[in-house]
C-alpha atoms as a PDB file:
ATOM      1  CA  MET A   1       0.000   0.000   0.000  1.00  0.00           C
ATOM      2  CA  THR A   2       2.838   2.383   0.796  1.00  0.00           C
ATOM      3  CA  ALA A   3       4.417   1.797  -2.629  1.00  0.00           C
ATOM      4  CA  MET A   4       1.057   2.376  -4.349  1.00  0.00           C
ATOM      5  CA  GLN A   5       0.564   5.608  -2.400  1.00  0.00           C
ATOM      6  CA  LYS A   6       4.038   6.838  -3.352  1.00  0.00           C
ATOM      7  CA  ARG A   7       3.448   6.053  -7.050  1.00  0.00           C
ATOM      8  CA  SER A   8       0.097   7.814  -7.107  1.00  0.00           C
ATOM      9  CA  ILE A   9       1.431  10.903  -5.324  1.00  0.00           C
ATOM     10  CA  SER A  10       4.396  10.927  -7.702  1.00  0.00           C
ATOM     11  CA  SER A  11       1.969  10.996 -10.645  1.00  0.00           C
ATOM     12  CA  ILE A  12       0.089  13.916  -9.152  1.00  0.00           C
ATOM     13  CA  GLU A  13       3.271  15.847  -8.427  1.00  0.00           C
ATOM     14  CA  SER A  14       4.504  15.168 -11.961  1.00  0.00           C
ATOM     15  CA  ALA A  15       1.264  16.467 -13.485  1.00  0.00           C
ATOM     16  CA  PHE A  16       1.364  19.492 -11.201  1.00  0.00           C
ATOM     17  CA  SER A  17       4.958  20.321 -12.145  1.00  0.00           C
ATOM     18  CA  ASP A  18       4.081  20.058 -15.866  1.00  0.00           C
ATOM     19  CA  LYS A  19       1.067  22.345 -15.497  1.00  0.00           C
ATOM     20  CA  SER A  20       0.625  23.935 -12.087  1.00  0.00           C
ATOM     21  CA  LYS A  21      -2.433  25.995 -13.033  1.00  0.00           C
ATOM     22  CA  GLY A  22      -5.749  24.665 -14.169  1.00  0.00           C
ATOM     23  CA  THR A  23      -7.602  21.473 -13.456  1.00  0.00           C
ATOM     24  CA  HIS A  24      -6.219  17.949 -13.454  1.00  0.00           C
ATOM     25  CA  LEU A  25      -8.525  14.960 -13.620  1.00  0.00           C
ATOM     26  CA  PHE A  26      -7.339  11.636 -12.249  1.00  0.00           C
ATOM     27  CA  VAL A  27      -9.421   8.484 -12.508  1.00  0.00           C
ATOM     28  CA  SER A  28      -8.584   5.476 -10.367  1.00  0.00           C
ATOM     29  CA  HIS A  29      -9.799   2.783  -8.010  1.00  0.00           C
ATOM     30  CA  GLY A  30     -11.197   3.697  -4.598  1.00  0.00           C
ATOM     31  CA  ASP A  31      -8.201   2.568  -2.541  1.00  0.00           C
ATOM     32  CA  VAL A  32      -5.823   4.622  -4.679  1.00  0.00           C
ATOM     33  CA  ILE A  33      -8.023   7.698  -4.287  1.00  0.00           C
ATOM     34  CA  LYS A  34      -8.229   7.144  -0.523  1.00  0.00           C
ATOM     35  CA  ALA A  35      -4.441   6.801  -0.336  1.00  0.00           C
ATOM     36  CA  ILE A  36      -4.008  10.058  -2.290  1.00  0.00           C
ATOM     37  CA  VAL A  37      -6.480  11.923  -0.085  1.00  0.00           C
ATOM     38  CA  ALA A  38      -4.822  10.547   3.056  1.00  0.00           C
ATOM     39  CA  SER A  39      -1.371  11.581   1.881  1.00  0.00           C
ATOM     40  CA  LEU A  40      -2.285  15.078   0.729  1.00  0.00           C
ATOM     41  CA  LEU A  41      -4.260  15.744   3.916  1.00  0.00           C
ATOM     42  CA  LYS A  42      -1.401  14.384   6.052  1.00  0.00           C
ATOM     43  CA  LEU A  43      -3.431  11.454   7.401  1.00  0.00           C
ATOM     44  CA  LYS A  44      -1.742   8.208   8.358  1.00  0.00           C
ATOM     45  CA  LEU A  45      -2.025   5.517   5.712  1.00  0.00           C
ATOM     46  CA  ASP A  46      -2.840   3.058   8.510  1.00  0.00           C
ATOM     47  CA  HIS A  47      -6.302   4.610   8.767  1.00  0.00           C
ATOM     48  CA  PHE A  48      -7.095   5.316   5.106  1.00  0.00           C
ATOM     49  CA  GLN A  49      -9.767   2.601   5.096  1.00  0.00           C
ATOM     50  CA  SER A  50     -11.880   4.868   7.318  1.00  0.00           C
ATOM     51  CA  LEU A  51     -12.428   6.951   4.160  1.00  0.00           C
ATOM     52  CA  VAL A  52     -15.233   5.816   1.849  1.00  0.00           C
ATOM     53  CA  ILE A  53     -15.003   6.161  -1.934  1.00  0.00           C
ATOM     54  CA  ASP A  54     -17.934   4.766  -3.886  1.00  0.00           C
ATOM     55  CA  PRO A  55     -17.709   3.729  -7.564  1.00  0.00           C
ATOM     56  CA  ALA A  56     -18.060   6.632 -10.010  1.00  0.00           C
ATOM     57  CA  SER A  57     -17.937   9.229  -7.222  1.00  0.00           C
ATOM     58  CA  ILE A  58     -16.051  12.511  -7.409  1.00  0.00           C
ATOM     59  CA  THR A  59     -13.487  13.643  -4.869  1.00  0.00           C
ATOM     60  CA  MET A  60     -11.851  17.000  -5.390  1.00  0.00           C
ATOM     61  CA  LEU A  61      -8.874  18.644  -3.761  1.00  0.00           C
ATOM     62  CA  ASP A  62      -7.467  22.110  -4.265  1.00  0.00           C
ATOM     63  CA  TYR A  63      -3.710  21.588  -4.267  1.00  0.00           C
ATOM     64  CA  ASP A  64      -0.971  24.159  -4.728  1.00  0.00           C
ATOM     65  CA  GLY A  65       1.934  21.709  -4.705  1.00  0.00           C
ATOM     66  CA  LYS A  66       2.381  22.045  -0.952  1.00  0.00           C
ATOM     67  CA  ILE A  67      -0.984  22.325   0.753  1.00  0.00           C
ATOM     68  CA  ALA A  68      -4.170  20.441  -0.139  1.00  0.00           C
ATOM     69  CA  ARG A  69      -7.730  21.317   0.746  1.00  0.00           C
ATOM     70  CA  LEU A  70     -10.518  18.758   0.403  1.00  0.00           C
ATOM     71  CA  THR A  71     -13.417  20.524  -1.313  1.00  0.00           C
ATOM     72  CA  LEU A  72     -15.603  17.615  -2.422  1.00  0.00           C
ATOM     73  CA  PHE A  73     -15.595  14.057  -1.160  1.00  0.00           C
ATOM     74  CA  ASN A  74     -17.294  10.915  -2.499  1.00  0.00           C
ATOM     75  CA  ASP A  75     -19.915  12.967  -4.350  1.00  0.00           C
ATOM     76  CA  GLN A  76     -22.278  10.968  -6.553  1.00  0.00           C
ATOM     77  CA  VAL A  77     -24.838  13.675  -7.257  1.00  0.00           C
ATOM     78  CA  THR A  78     -23.069  16.747  -8.626  1.00  0.00           C
ATOM     79  CA  ARG A  79     -22.312  16.818 -12.338  1.00  0.00           C
ATOM     80  CA  LEU A  80     -18.646  17.309 -13.239  1.00  0.00           C
ATOM     81  CA  GLU A  81     -19.524  20.205 -15.574  1.00  0.00           C
ATOM     82  CA  ASP A  82     -21.187  22.030 -12.676  1.00  0.00           C
ATOM     83  CA  ILE A  83     -18.185  21.473 -10.401  1.00  0.00           C
ATOM     84  CA  LEU A  84     -15.735  22.861 -12.934  1.00  0.00           C
ATOM     85  CA  ARG A  85     -17.913  25.877 -13.652  1.00  0.00           C
ATOM     86  CA  VAL A  86     -17.883  27.073 -10.007  1.00  0.00           C
ATOM     87  CA  SER A  87     -15.301  29.745  -9.238  1.00  0.00           C
ATOM     88  CA  ARG A  88     -12.824  28.550  -6.621  1.00  0.00           C
ATOM     89  CA  PRO A  89     -10.515  30.655  -4.443  1.00  0.00           C
ATOM     90  CA  LYS A  90      -6.953  30.835  -5.759  1.00  0.00           C
ATOM     91  CA  ARG A  91      -5.397  30.193  -2.354  1.00  0.00           C
ATOM     92  CA  VAL A  92      -5.886  27.868   0.570  1.00  0.00           C
ATOM     93  CA  LEU A  93      -8.269  29.556   2.983  1.00  0.00           C
ATOM     94  CA  LEU A  94      -8.235  29.599   6.739  1.00  0.00           C
ATOM     95  CA  GLY A  95     -11.539  29.093   8.483  1.00  0.00           C
ATOM     96  CA  GLY A  96     -14.701  28.007   6.751  1.00  0.00           C
ATOM     97  CA  GLY A  97     -13.740  28.988   3.228  1.00  0.00           C
ATOM     98  CA  ALA A  98     -17.350  29.544   2.264  1.00  0.00           C
ATOM     99  CA  GLY A  99     -16.452  32.451   0.037  1.00  0.00           C
ATOM    100  CA  ALA A 100     -18.046  35.860  -0.103  1.00  0.00           C
ATOM    101  CA  ALA A 101     -21.547  35.928   1.292  1.00  0.00           C
ATOM    102  CA  LYS A 102     -24.222  37.568  -0.809  1.00  0.00           C
ATOM    103  CA  ARG A 103     -25.557  40.516   1.103  1.00  0.00           C
ATOM    104  CA  GLY A 104     -28.839  42.178   0.335  1.00  0.00           C
ATOM    105  CA  LYS A 105     -30.105  45.510   1.633  1.00  0.00           C
ATOM    106  CA  LYS A 106     -32.742  45.354   4.308  1.00  0.00           C
END
């Protein structure tokens, strides 16, 4: 499992170094995705099976090459086109990261 995790993270880092901006799409088996999520979120691989990845689900991380932020996990409802259309912050946020709230006049 450790070797698989290292290979998958190496692939992500390679893709990121080739093109650091934009969106990368990786398709894999559930255990590989769980190992990637665990690694990028600094979780111990010993406990990666506590994560659940269903077939054909979408998991999304914002990653700047150093810090990862889990923004969508095991989603089976949202369409990929809708996910990619949403504007995302360009940096890792502290706190809730909900973005700017829409404020109306009272």
